[in-house]
Amino acid sequence: MVTDENVLMFFRGQLPKVTTLWLKPVLLQPDDILQEFSEVEDLALVIDKYSTQFDIDVSELNIEDYYPWEIPWFFRKWFIASPVKQSKKPLTVRMFAESAKAGRWLY
């Protein structure tokens, strides 16, 4: 049986590691936005491995629904109060975990 933790650990192991400026690792959480964690090329490879690992049909997943993603400028929060307006939907590990439990891509 697939659990949220299985899918989270899979993504943590497959995606490139992210660190702070002080080289402290940033652990991926279930509701973190994957577009802010990795590039589309890295995520596409991980999705292919996810499909095989959890035997999920991801043919309904259209990566163009989720990319390109606007990454906010690091100092933006100090100069601009309004949030970045995204034209694409966020993609999270939780979405992959729920799809793995269902056996197909749900979103």
PDB file of N, CA and C in Angstrom:
ATOM      1  N   MET A   1       0.834  -1.182   0.000  1.00  0.00           N
ATOM      2  CA  MET A   1       0.000   0.000   0.000  1.00  0.00           C
ATOM      3  C   MET A   1       0.882   1.250   0.000  1.00  0.00           C
ATOM      4  N   VAL A   2       0.505   2.216  -0.807  1.00  0.00           N
ATOM      5  CA  VAL A   2       1.256   3.460  -0.925  1.00  0.00           C
ATOM      6  C   VAL A   2       0.802   4.436   0.158  1.00  0.00           C
ATOM      7  N   THR A   3       1.779   5.054   0.827  1.00  0.00           N
ATOM      8  CA  THR A   3       1.461   6.066   1.832  1.00  0.00           C
ATOM      9  C   THR A   3       2.030   7.414   1.398  1.00  0.00           C
ATOM     10  N   ASP A   4       1.534   8.468   2.032  1.00  0.00           N
ATOM     11  CA  ASP A   4       2.055   9.808   1.751  1.00  0.00           C
ATOM     12  C   ASP A   4       3.554   9.862   2.026  1.00  0.00           C
ATOM     13  N   GLU A   5       3.969   9.201   3.095  1.00  0.00           N
ATOM     14  CA  GLU A   5       5.384   9.203   3.485  1.00  0.00           C
ATOM     15  C   GLU A   5       6.258   8.519   2.431  1.00  0.00           C
ATOM     16  N   ASN A   6       5.759   7.406   1.833  1.00  0.00           N
ATOM     17  CA  ASN A   6       6.514   6.728   0.766  1.00  0.00           C
ATOM     18  C   ASN A   6       6.775   7.674  -0.401  1.00  0.00           C
ATOM     19  N   VAL A   7       5.748   8.373  -0.819  1.00  0.00           N
ATOM     20  CA  VAL A   7       5.862   9.274  -1.966  1.00  0.00           C
ATOM     21  C   VAL A   7       6.759  10.460  -1.614  1.00  0.00           C
ATOM     22  N   LEU A   8       6.604  11.000  -0.406  1.00  0.00           N
ATOM     23  CA  LEU A   8       7.442  12.119   0.022  1.00  0.00           C
ATOM     24  C   LEU A   8       8.914  11.710   0.047  1.00  0.00           C
ATOM     25  N   MET A   9       9.216  10.554   0.611  1.00  0.00           N
ATOM     26  CA  MET A   9      10.608  10.087   0.665  1.00  0.00           C
ATOM     27  C   MET A   9      11.152   9.836  -0.740  1.00  0.00           C
ATOM     28  N   PHE A  10      10.303   9.340  -1.638  1.00  0.00           N
ATOM     29  CA  PHE A  10      10.724   9.136  -3.022  1.00  0.00           C
ATOM     30  C   PHE A  10      11.149  10.467  -3.643  1.00  0.00           C
ATOM     31  N   PHE A  11      10.303  11.497  -3.516  1.00  0.00           N
ATOM     32  CA  PHE A  11      10.621  12.796  -4.111  1.00  0.00           C
ATOM     33  C   PHE A  11      11.840  13.429  -3.442  1.00  0.00           C
ATOM     34  N   ARG A  12      11.972  13.285  -2.138  1.00  0.00           N
ATOM     35  CA  ARG A  12      13.151  13.815  -1.450  1.00  0.00           C
ATOM     36  C   ARG A  12      14.430  13.160  -1.968  1.00  0.00           C
ATOM     37  N   GLY A  13      14.350  11.872  -2.269  1.00  0.00           N
ATOM     38  CA  GLY A  13      15.525  11.155  -2.753  1.00  0.00           C
ATOM     39  C   GLY A  13      15.845  11.421  -4.211  1.00  0.00           C
ATOM     40  N   GLN A  14      14.850  11.752  -4.997  1.00  0.00           N
ATOM     41  CA  GLN A  14      15.055  11.902  -6.436  1.00  0.00           C
ATOM     42  C   GLN A  14      15.346  13.329  -6.894  1.00  0.00           C
ATOM     43  N   LEU A  15      14.750  14.318  -6.240  1.00  0.00           N
ATOM     44  CA  LEU A  15      14.949  15.704  -6.664  1.00  0.00           C
ATOM     45  C   LEU A  15      16.298  16.228  -6.179  1.00  0.00           C
ATOM     46  N   PRO A  16      16.874  17.171  -6.913  1.00  0.00           N
ATOM     47  CA  PRO A  16      18.140  17.772  -6.448  1.00  0.00           C
ATOM     48  C   PRO A  16      17.964  18.407  -5.075  1.00  0.00           C
ATOM     49  N   LYS A  17      19.005  18.334  -4.280  1.00  0.00           N
ATOM     50  CA  LYS A  17      18.965  18.884  -2.924  1.00  0.00           C
ATOM     51  C   LYS A  17      18.954  20.414  -2.973  1.00  0.00           C
ATOM     52  N   VAL A  18      18.187  21.029  -2.076  1.00  0.00           N
ATOM     53  CA  VAL A  18      18.107  22.477  -1.952  1.00  0.00           C
ATOM     54  C   VAL A  18      18.685  22.848  -0.594  1.00  0.00           C
ATOM     55  N   THR A  19      19.497  23.913  -0.576  1.00  0.00           N
ATOM     56  CA  THR A  19      20.091  24.369   0.690  1.00  0.00           C
ATOM     57  C   THR A  19      19.876  25.868   0.848  1.00  0.00           C
ATOM     58  N   THR A  20      20.038  26.327   2.080  1.00  0.00           N
ATOM     59  CA  THR A  20      19.973  27.751   2.363  1.00  0.00           C
ATOM     60  C   THR A  20      21.325  28.375   2.011  1.00  0.00           C
ATOM     61  N   LEU A  21      21.440  29.677   2.196  1.00  0.00           N
ATOM     62  CA  LEU A  21      22.718  30.358   1.953  1.00  0.00           C
ATOM     63  C   LEU A  21      23.813  29.833   2.870  1.00  0.00           C
ATOM     64  N   TRP A  22      23.444  29.286   4.029  1.00  0.00           N
ATOM     65  CA  TRP A  22      24.402  28.756   4.983  1.00  0.00           C
ATOM     66  C   TRP A  22      24.584  27.253   4.807  1.00  0.00           C
ATOM     67  N   LEU A  23      24.141  26.734   3.656  1.00  0.00           N
ATOM     68  CA  LEU A  23      24.266  25.330   3.269  1.00  0.00           C
ATOM     69  C   LEU A  23      23.500  24.367   4.166  1.00  0.00           C
ATOM     70  N   LYS A  24      22.491  24.869   4.849  1.00  0.00           N
ATOM     71  CA  LYS A  24      21.613  24.014   5.634  1.00  0.00           C
ATOM     72  C   LYS A  24      20.580  23.404   4.678  1.00  0.00           C
ATOM     73  N   PRO A  25      20.399  22.083   4.692  1.00  0.00           N
ATOM     74  CA  PRO A  25      19.440  21.460   3.767  1.00  0.00           C
ATOM     75  C   PRO A  25      18.001  21.907   4.035  1.00  0.00           C
ATOM     76  N   VAL A  26      17.258  22.075   2.956  1.00  0.00           N
ATOM     77  CA  VAL A  26      15.835  22.403   3.034  1.00  0.00           C
ATOM     78  C   VAL A  26      15.083  21.151   2.620  1.00  0.00           C
ATOM     79  N   LEU A  27      14.364  20.547   3.570  1.00  0.00           N
ATOM     80  CA  LEU A  27      13.635  19.317   3.273  1.00  0.00           C
ATOM     81  C   LEU A  27      12.298  19.620   2.607  1.00  0.00           C
ATOM     82  N   LEU A  28      12.032  18.907   1.558  1.00  0.00           N
ATOM     83  CA  LEU A  28      10.767  19.021   0.843  1.00  0.00           C
ATOM     84  C   LEU A  28       9.632  18.537   1.742  1.00  0.00           C
ATOM     85  N   GLN A  29       8.541  19.286   1.785  1.00  0.00           N
ATOM     86  CA  GLN A  29       7.358  18.943   2.572  1.00  0.00           C
ATOM     87  C   GLN A  29       6.204  18.614   1.621  1.00  0.00           C
ATOM     88  N   PRO A  30       5.164  17.914   2.087  1.00  0.00           N
ATOM     89  CA  PRO A  30       4.073  17.485   1.197  1.00  0.00           C
ATOM     90  C   PRO A  30       3.375  18.616   0.447  1.00  0.00           C
ATOM     91  N   ASP A  31       3.265  19.793   1.043  1.00  0.00           N
ATOM     92  CA  ASP A  31       2.539  20.880   0.385  1.00  0.00           C
ATOM     93  C   ASP A  31       3.449  21.948  -0.213  1.00  0.00           C
ATOM     94  N   ASP A  32       4.750  21.694  -0.258  1.00  0.00           N
ATOM     95  CA  ASP A  32       5.658  22.628  -0.917  1.00  0.00           C
ATOM     96  C   ASP A  32       5.401  22.600  -2.423  1.00  0.00           C
ATOM     97  N   ILE A  33       5.544  23.750  -3.040  1.00  0.00           N
ATOM     98  CA  ILE A  33       5.319  23.851  -4.486  1.00  0.00           C
ATOM     99  C   ILE A  33       6.563  23.338  -5.204  1.00  0.00           C
ATOM    100  N   LEU A  34       6.388  22.266  -5.972  1.00  0.00           N
ATOM    101  CA  LEU A  34       7.522  21.625  -6.630  1.00  0.00           C
ATOM    102  C   LEU A  34       8.177  22.528  -7.668  1.00  0.00           C
ATOM    103  N   GLN A  35       7.418  23.421  -8.283  1.00  0.00           N
ATOM    104  CA  GLN A  35       7.995  24.324  -9.274  1.00  0.00           C
ATOM    105  C   GLN A  35       9.039  25.240  -8.645  1.00  0.00           C
ATOM    106  N   GLU A  36       8.912  25.506  -7.348  1.00  0.00           N
ATOM    107  CA  GLU A  36       9.888  26.350  -6.662  1.00  0.00           C
ATOM    108  C   GLU A  36      11.056  25.525  -6.116  1.00  0.00           C
ATOM    109  N   PHE A  37      10.944  24.216  -6.215  1.00  0.00           N
ATOM    110  CA  PHE A  37      11.975  23.317  -5.714  1.00  0.00           C
ATOM    111  C   PHE A  37      12.894  22.804  -6.814  1.00  0.00           C
ATOM    112  N   SER A  38      12.375  22.706  -8.042  1.00  0.00           N
ATOM    113  CA  SER A  38      13.188  22.124  -9.106  1.00  0.00           C
ATOM    114  C   SER A  38      12.798  22.671 -10.471  1.00  0.00           C
ATOM    115  N   GLU A  39      13.709  22.477 -11.403  1.00  0.00           N
ATOM    116  CA  GLU A  39      13.470  22.875 -12.787  1.00  0.00           C
ATOM    117  C   GLU A  39      12.590  21.828 -13.465  1.00  0.00           C
ATOM    118  N   VAL A  40      11.958  22.232 -14.546  1.00  0.00           N
ATOM    119  CA  VAL A  40      11.037  21.347 -15.253  1.00  0.00           C
ATOM    120  C   VAL A  40      11.746  20.079 -15.747  1.00  0.00           C
ATOM    121  N   GLU A  41      12.993  20.198 -16.184  1.00  0.00           N
ATOM    122  CA  GLU A  41      13.722  19.027 -16.694  1.00  0.00           C
ATOM    123  C   GLU A  41      13.947  17.998 -15.583  1.00  0.00           C
ATOM    124  N   ASP A  42      14.321  18.472 -14.401  1.00  0.00           N
ATOM    125  CA  ASP A  42      14.536  17.564 -13.275  1.00  0.00           C
ATOM    126  C   ASP A  42      13.230  16.906 -12.857  1.00  0.00           C
ATOM    127  N   LEU A  43      12.175  17.691 -12.787  1.00  0.00           N
ATOM    128  CA  LEU A  43      10.888  17.163 -12.354  1.00  0.00           C
ATOM    129  C   LEU A  43      10.326  16.160 -13.359  1.00  0.00           C
ATOM    130  N   ALA A  44      10.532  16.405 -14.638  1.00  0.00           N
ATOM    131  CA  ALA A  44      10.037  15.475 -15.662  1.00  0.00           C
ATOM    132  C   ALA A  44      10.690  14.099 -15.506  1.00  0.00           C
ATOM    133  N   LEU A  45      11.982  14.069 -15.225  1.00  0.00           N
ATOM    134  CA  LEU A  45      12.669  12.792 -15.006  1.00  0.00           C
ATOM    135  C   LEU A  45      12.139  12.077 -13.765  1.00  0.00           C
ATOM    136  N   VAL A  46      11.886  12.837 -12.709  1.00  0.00           N
ATOM    137  CA  VAL A  46      11.369  12.260 -11.469  1.00  0.00           C
ATOM    138  C   VAL A  46       9.953  11.727 -11.676  1.00  0.00           C
ATOM    139  N   ILE A  47       9.142  12.433 -12.454  1.00  0.00           N
ATOM    140  CA  ILE A  47       7.775  11.975 -12.729  1.00  0.00           C
ATOM    141  C   ILE A  47       7.805  10.652 -13.483  1.00  0.00           C
ATOM    142  N   ASP A  48       8.739  10.500 -14.422  1.00  0.00           N
ATOM    143  CA  ASP A  48       8.869   9.225 -15.135  1.00  0.00           C
ATOM    144  C   ASP A  48       9.227   8.101 -14.166  1.00  0.00           C
ATOM    145  N   LYS A  49      10.158   8.359 -13.251  1.00  0.00           N
ATOM    146  CA  LYS A  49      10.545   7.346 -12.252  1.00  0.00           C
ATOM    147  C   LYS A  49       9.382   7.057 -11.301  1.00  0.00           C
ATOM    148  N   TYR A  50       8.650   8.100 -10.926  1.00  0.00           N
ATOM    149  CA  TYR A  50       7.462   7.960 -10.063  1.00  0.00           C
ATOM    150  C   TYR A  50       6.447   7.032 -10.722  1.00  0.00           C
ATOM    151  N   SER A  51       6.222   7.239 -12.013  1.00  0.00           N
ATOM    152  CA  SER A  51       5.262   6.422 -12.758  1.00  0.00           C
ATOM    153  C   SER A  51       5.644   4.944 -12.697  1.00  0.00           C
ATOM    154  N   THR A  52       6.913   4.663 -12.854  1.00  0.00           N
ATOM    155  CA  THR A  52       7.392   3.285 -12.804  1.00  0.00           C
ATOM    156  C   THR A  52       7.377   2.732 -11.377  1.00  0.00           C
ATOM    157  N   GLN A  53       7.885   3.510 -10.441  1.00  0.00           N
ATOM    158  CA  GLN A  53       7.999   3.078  -9.042  1.00  0.00           C
ATOM    159  C   GLN A  53       6.641   2.725  -8.434  1.00  0.00           C
ATOM    160  N   PHE A  54       5.643   3.574  -8.687  1.00  0.00           N
ATOM    161  CA  PHE A  54       4.335   3.388  -8.061  1.00  0.00           C
ATOM    162  C   PHE A  54       3.285   2.834  -9.022  1.00  0.00           C
ATOM    163  N   ASP A  55       3.713   2.470 -10.241  1.00  0.00           N
ATOM    164  CA  ASP A  55       2.840   1.901 -11.267  1.00  0.00           C
ATOM    165  C   ASP A  55       1.598   2.785 -11.494  1.00  0.00           C
ATOM    166  N   ILE A  56       1.853   4.062 -11.795  1.00  0.00           N
ATOM    167  CA  ILE A  56       0.798   5.049 -12.002  1.00  0.00           C
ATOM    168  C   ILE A  56       0.821   5.506 -13.444  1.00  0.00           C
ATOM    169  N   ASP A  57      -0.349   5.585 -14.052  1.00  0.00           N
ATOM    170  CA  ASP A  57      -0.469   6.124 -15.407  1.00  0.00           C
ATOM    171  C   ASP A  57      -0.488   7.649 -15.311  1.00  0.00           C
ATOM    172  N   VAL A  58       0.579   8.282 -15.774  1.00  0.00           N
ATOM    173  CA  VAL A  58       0.670   9.745 -15.719  1.00  0.00           C
ATOM    174  C   VAL A  58       0.445  10.374 -17.097  1.00  0.00           C
ATOM    175  N   SER A  59      -0.146   9.620 -18.003  1.00  0.00           N
ATOM    176  CA  SER A  59      -0.359  10.147 -19.355  1.00  0.00           C
ATOM    177  C   SER A  59      -1.312  11.347 -19.359  1.00  0.00           C
ATOM    178  N   GLU A  60      -2.152  11.464 -18.347  1.00  0.00           N
ATOM    179  CA  GLU A  60      -3.065  12.608 -18.244  1.00  0.00           C
ATOM    180  C   GLU A  60      -2.381  13.850 -17.681  1.00  0.00           C
ATOM    181  N   LEU A  61      -1.186  13.688 -17.115  1.00  0.00           N
ATOM    182  CA  LEU A  61      -0.455  14.816 -16.542  1.00  0.00           C
ATOM    183  C   LEU A  61       0.181  15.612 -17.682  1.00  0.00           C
ATOM    184  N   ASN A  62      -0.235  16.848 -17.851  1.00  0.00           N
ATOM    185  CA  ASN A  62       0.326  17.726 -18.865  1.00  0.00           C
ATOM    186  C   ASN A  62       1.216  18.740 -18.151  1.00  0.00           C
ATOM    187  N   ILE A  63       2.519  18.621 -18.320  1.00  0.00           N
ATOM    188  CA  ILE A  63       3.460  19.480 -17.612  1.00  0.00           C
ATOM    189  C   ILE A  63       3.262  20.945 -17.974  1.00  0.00           C
ATOM    190  N   GLU A  64       2.694  21.227 -19.129  1.00  0.00           N
ATOM    191  CA  GLU A  64       2.444  22.614 -19.544  1.00  0.00           C
ATOM    192  C   GLU A  64       1.348  23.273 -18.716  1.00  0.00           C
ATOM    193  N   ASP A  65       0.574  22.479 -17.973  1.00  0.00           N
ATOM    194  CA  ASP A  65      -0.413  23.048 -17.052  1.00  0.00           C
ATOM    195  C   ASP A  65       0.263  23.640 -15.813  1.00  0.00           C
ATOM    196  N   TYR A  66       1.521  23.271 -15.581  1.00  0.00           N
ATOM    197  CA  TYR A  66       2.217  23.654 -14.360  1.00  0.00           C
ATOM    198  C   TYR A  66       3.460  24.516 -14.585  1.00  0.00           C
ATOM    199  N   TYR A  67       3.989  24.529 -15.790  1.00  0.00           N
ATOM    200  CA  TYR A  67       5.170  25.333 -16.122  1.00  0.00           C
ATOM    201  C   TYR A  67       4.847  26.175 -17.337  1.00  0.00           C
ATOM    202  N   PRO A  68       5.435  27.364 -17.530  1.00  0.00           N
ATOM    203  CA  PRO A  68       6.465  27.985 -16.709  1.00  0.00           C
ATOM    204  C   PRO A  68       5.894  28.558 -15.419  1.00  0.00           C
ATOM    205  N   TRP A  69       6.714  28.604 -14.418  1.00  0.00           N
ATOM    206  CA  TRP A  69       6.359  29.102 -13.092  1.00  0.00           C
ATOM    207  C   TRP A  69       7.191  30.339 -12.809  1.00  0.00           C
ATOM    208  N   GLU A  70       6.574  31.379 -12.316  1.00  0.00           N
ATOM    209  CA  GLU A  70       7.273  32.622 -12.004  1.00  0.00           C
ATOM    210  C   GLU A  70       7.920  32.503 -10.623  1.00  0.00           C
ATOM    211  N   ILE A  71       9.232  32.503 -10.589  1.00  0.00           N
ATOM    212  CA  ILE A  71       9.965  32.445  -9.326  1.00  0.00           C
ATOM    213  C   ILE A  71      10.174  33.891  -8.848  1.00  0.00           C
ATOM    214  N   PRO A  72       9.691  34.209  -7.645  1.00  0.00           N
ATOM    215  CA  PRO A  72       9.858  35.581  -7.171  1.00  0.00           C
ATOM    216  C   PRO A  72      11.325  35.931  -6.912  1.00  0.00           C
ATOM    217  N   TRP A  73      11.658  37.153  -7.217  1.00  0.00           N
ATOM    218  CA  TRP A  73      12.985  37.687  -6.952  1.00  0.00           C
ATOM    219  C   TRP A  73      13.237  37.624  -5.454  1.00  0.00           C
ATOM    220  N   PHE A  74      14.424  37.260  -5.014  1.00  0.00           N
ATOM    221  CA  PHE A  74      14.737  37.047  -3.603  1.00  0.00           C
ATOM    222  C   PHE A  74      14.387  38.260  -2.738  1.00  0.00           C
ATOM    223  N   PHE A  75      14.695  39.475  -3.185  1.00  0.00           N
ATOM    224  CA  PHE A  75      14.468  40.677  -2.391  1.00  0.00           C
ATOM    225  C   PHE A  75      13.098  41.311  -2.636  1.00  0.00           C
ATOM    226  N   ARG A  76      12.275  40.658  -3.434  1.00  0.00           N
ATOM    227  CA  ARG A  76      10.973  41.213  -3.797  1.00  0.00           C
ATOM    228  C   ARG A  76      10.125  41.581  -2.579  1.00  0.00           C
ATOM    229  N   LYS A  77      10.104  40.724  -1.569  1.00  0.00           N
ATOM    230  CA  LYS A  77       9.243  40.950  -0.404  1.00  0.00           C
ATOM    231  C   LYS A  77       9.567  42.249   0.331  1.00  0.00           C
ATOM    232  N   TRP A  78      10.791  42.767   0.160  1.00  0.00           N
ATOM    233  CA  TRP A  78      11.158  44.015   0.809  1.00  0.00           C
ATOM    234  C   TRP A  78      10.787  45.246  -0.025  1.00  0.00           C
ATOM    235  N   PHE A  79      10.536  45.043  -1.312  1.00  0.00           N
ATOM    236  CA  PHE A  79      10.273  46.174  -2.196  1.00  0.00           C
ATOM    237  C   PHE A  79       8.859  46.206  -2.772  1.00  0.00           C
ATOM    238  N   ILE A  80       8.245  45.042  -2.898  1.00  0.00           N
ATOM    239  CA  ILE A  80       6.925  44.947  -3.526  1.00  0.00           C
ATOM    240  C   ILE A  80       6.013  44.130  -2.617  1.00  0.00           C
ATOM    241  N   ALA A  81       4.904  44.718  -2.215  1.00  0.00           N
ATOM    242  CA  ALA A  81       4.000  44.050  -1.273  1.00  0.00           C
ATOM    243  C   ALA A  81       3.120  43.000  -1.942  1.00  0.00           C
ATOM    244  N   SER A  82       2.759  43.205  -3.184  1.00  0.00           N
ATOM    245  CA  SER A  82       1.844  42.274  -3.847  1.00  0.00           C
ATOM    246  C   SER A  82       2.559  40.977  -4.222  1.00  0.00           C
ATOM    247  N   PRO A  83       1.854  39.846  -4.122  1.00  0.00           N
ATOM    248  CA  PRO A  83       2.463  38.566  -4.482  1.00  0.00           C
ATOM    249  C   PRO A  83       2.612  38.436  -6.009  1.00  0.00           C
ATOM    250  N   VAL A  84       3.478  37.541  -6.415  1.00  0.00           N
ATOM    251  CA  VAL A  84       3.651  37.256  -7.843  1.00  0.00           C
ATOM    252  C   VAL A  84       2.376  36.598  -8.349  1.00  0.00           C
ATOM    253  N   LYS A  85       1.878  37.055  -9.470  1.00  0.00           N
ATOM    254  CA  LYS A  85       0.676  36.465 -10.068  1.00  0.00           C
ATOM    255  C   LYS A  85       1.102  35.295 -10.953  1.00  0.00           C
ATOM    256  N   GLN A  86       0.652  34.101 -10.567  1.00  0.00           N
ATOM    257  CA  GLN A  86       0.986  32.896 -11.313  1.00  0.00           C
ATOM    258  C   GLN A  86      -0.092  32.616 -12.361  1.00  0.00           C
ATOM    259  N   SER A  87       0.341  32.180 -13.523  1.00  0.00           N
ATOM    260  CA  SER A  87      -0.612  31.809 -14.560  1.00  0.00           C
ATOM    261  C   SER A  87      -0.805  30.291 -14.622  1.00  0.00           C
ATOM    262  N   LYS A  88      -0.036  29.568 -13.831  1.00  0.00           N
ATOM    263  CA  LYS A  88      -0.111  28.104 -13.818  1.00  0.00           C
ATOM    264  C   LYS A  88      -0.493  27.610 -12.427  1.00  0.00           C
ATOM    265  N   LYS A  89      -0.948  26.357 -12.372  1.00  0.00           N
ATOM    266  CA  LYS A  89      -1.354  25.745 -11.110  1.00  0.00           C
ATOM    267  C   LYS A  89      -0.132  25.229 -10.344  1.00  0.00           C
ATOM    268  N   PRO A  90      -0.173  25.271  -9.007  1.00  0.00           N
ATOM    269  CA  PRO A  90       0.933  24.694  -8.236  1.00  0.00           C
ATOM    270  C   PRO A  90       0.881  23.162  -8.274  1.00  0.00           C
ATOM    271  N   LEU A  91       2.041  22.564  -8.201  1.00  0.00           N
ATOM    272  CA  LEU A  91       2.186  21.115  -8.219  1.00  0.00           C
ATOM    273  C   LEU A  91       2.863  20.717  -6.910  1.00  0.00           C
ATOM    274  N   THR A  92       2.253  19.787  -6.157  1.00  0.00           N
ATOM    275  CA  THR A  92       2.801  19.398  -4.855  1.00  0.00           C
ATOM    276  C   THR A  92       2.990  17.891  -4.744  1.00  0.00           C
ATOM    277  N   VAL A  93       3.770  17.488  -3.769  1.00  0.00           N
ATOM    278  CA  VAL A  93       3.975  16.057  -3.500  1.00  0.00           C
ATOM    279  C   VAL A  93       2.652  15.422  -3.076  1.00  0.00           C
ATOM    280  N   ARG A  94       1.831  16.163  -2.343  1.00  0.00           N
ATOM    281  CA  ARG A  94       0.536  15.634  -1.904  1.00  0.00           C
ATOM    282  C   ARG A  94      -0.318  15.211  -3.107  1.00  0.00           C
ATOM    283  N   MET A  95      -0.243  15.969  -4.195  1.00  0.00           N
ATOM    284  CA  MET A  95      -0.997  15.611  -5.403  1.00  0.00           C
ATOM    285  C   MET A  95      -0.514  14.261  -5.948  1.00  0.00           C
ATOM    286  N   PHE A  96       0.803  14.050  -5.919  1.00  0.00           N
ATOM    287  CA  PHE A  96       1.356  12.779  -6.381  1.00  0.00           C
ATOM    288  C   PHE A  96       0.993  11.639  -5.434  1.00  0.00           C
ATOM    289  N   ALA A  97       0.971  11.907  -4.138  1.00  0.00           N
ATOM    290  CA  ALA A  97       0.621  10.874  -3.154  1.00  0.00           C
ATOM    291  C   ALA A  97      -0.841  10.449  -3.318  1.00  0.00           C
ATOM    292  N   GLU A  98      -1.739  11.402  -3.474  1.00  0.00           N
ATOM    293  CA  GLU A  98      -3.149  11.066  -3.656  1.00  0.00           C
ATOM    294  C   GLU A  98      -3.377  10.323  -4.959  1.00  0.00           C
ATOM    295  N   SER A  99      -2.644  10.702  -6.000  1.00  0.00           N
ATOM    296  CA  SER A  99      -2.753   9.999  -7.278  1.00  0.00           C
ATOM    297  C   SER A  99      -2.210   8.578  -7.176  1.00  0.00           C
ATOM    298  N   ALA A 100      -1.125   8.389  -6.400  1.00  0.00           N
ATOM    299  CA  ALA A 100      -0.560   7.056  -6.228  1.00  0.00           C
ATOM    300  C   ALA A 100      -1.555   6.144  -5.515  1.00  0.00           C
ATOM    301  N   LYS A 101      -2.269   6.688  -4.543  1.00  0.00           N
ATOM    302  CA  LYS A 101      -3.282   5.902  -3.847  1.00  0.00           C
ATOM    303  C   LYS A 101      -4.437   5.534  -4.768  1.00  0.00           C
ATOM    304  N   ALA A 102      -4.778   6.440  -5.693  1.00  0.00           N
ATOM    305  CA  ALA A 102      -5.881   6.192  -6.622  1.00  0.00           C
ATOM    306  C   ALA A 102      -5.462   5.325  -7.801  1.00  0.00           C
ATOM    307  N   GLY A 103      -4.162   5.270  -8.075  1.00  0.00           N
ATOM    308  CA  GLY A 103      -3.683   4.461  -9.191  1.00  0.00           C
ATOM    309  C   GLY A 103      -3.658   5.166 -10.530  1.00  0.00           C
ATOM    310  N   ARG A 104      -3.949   6.454 -10.534  1.00  0.00           N
ATOM    311  CA  ARG A 104      -3.935   7.257 -11.767  1.00  0.00           C
ATOM    312  C   ARG A 104      -3.770   8.715 -11.397  1.00  0.00           C
ATOM    313  N   TRP A 105      -3.410   9.541 -12.381  1.00  0.00           N
ATOM    314  CA  TRP A 105      -3.234  10.966 -12.131  1.00  0.00           C
ATOM    315  C   TRP A 105      -4.617  11.607 -11.943  1.00  0.00           C
ATOM    316  N   LEU A 106      -4.815  12.276 -10.820  1.00  0.00           N
ATOM    317  CA  LEU A 106      -6.118  12.840 -10.471  1.00  0.00           C
ATOM    318  C   LEU A 106      -6.287  14.298 -10.888  1.00  0.00           C
ATOM    319  N   TYR A 107      -5.209  14.984 -11.159  1.00  0.00           N
ATOM    320  CA  TYR A 107      -5.295  16.421 -11.377  1.00  0.00           C
ATOM    321  C   TYR A 107      -5.062  16.737 -12.810  1.00  0.00           C
TER     322      TYR A 107
END
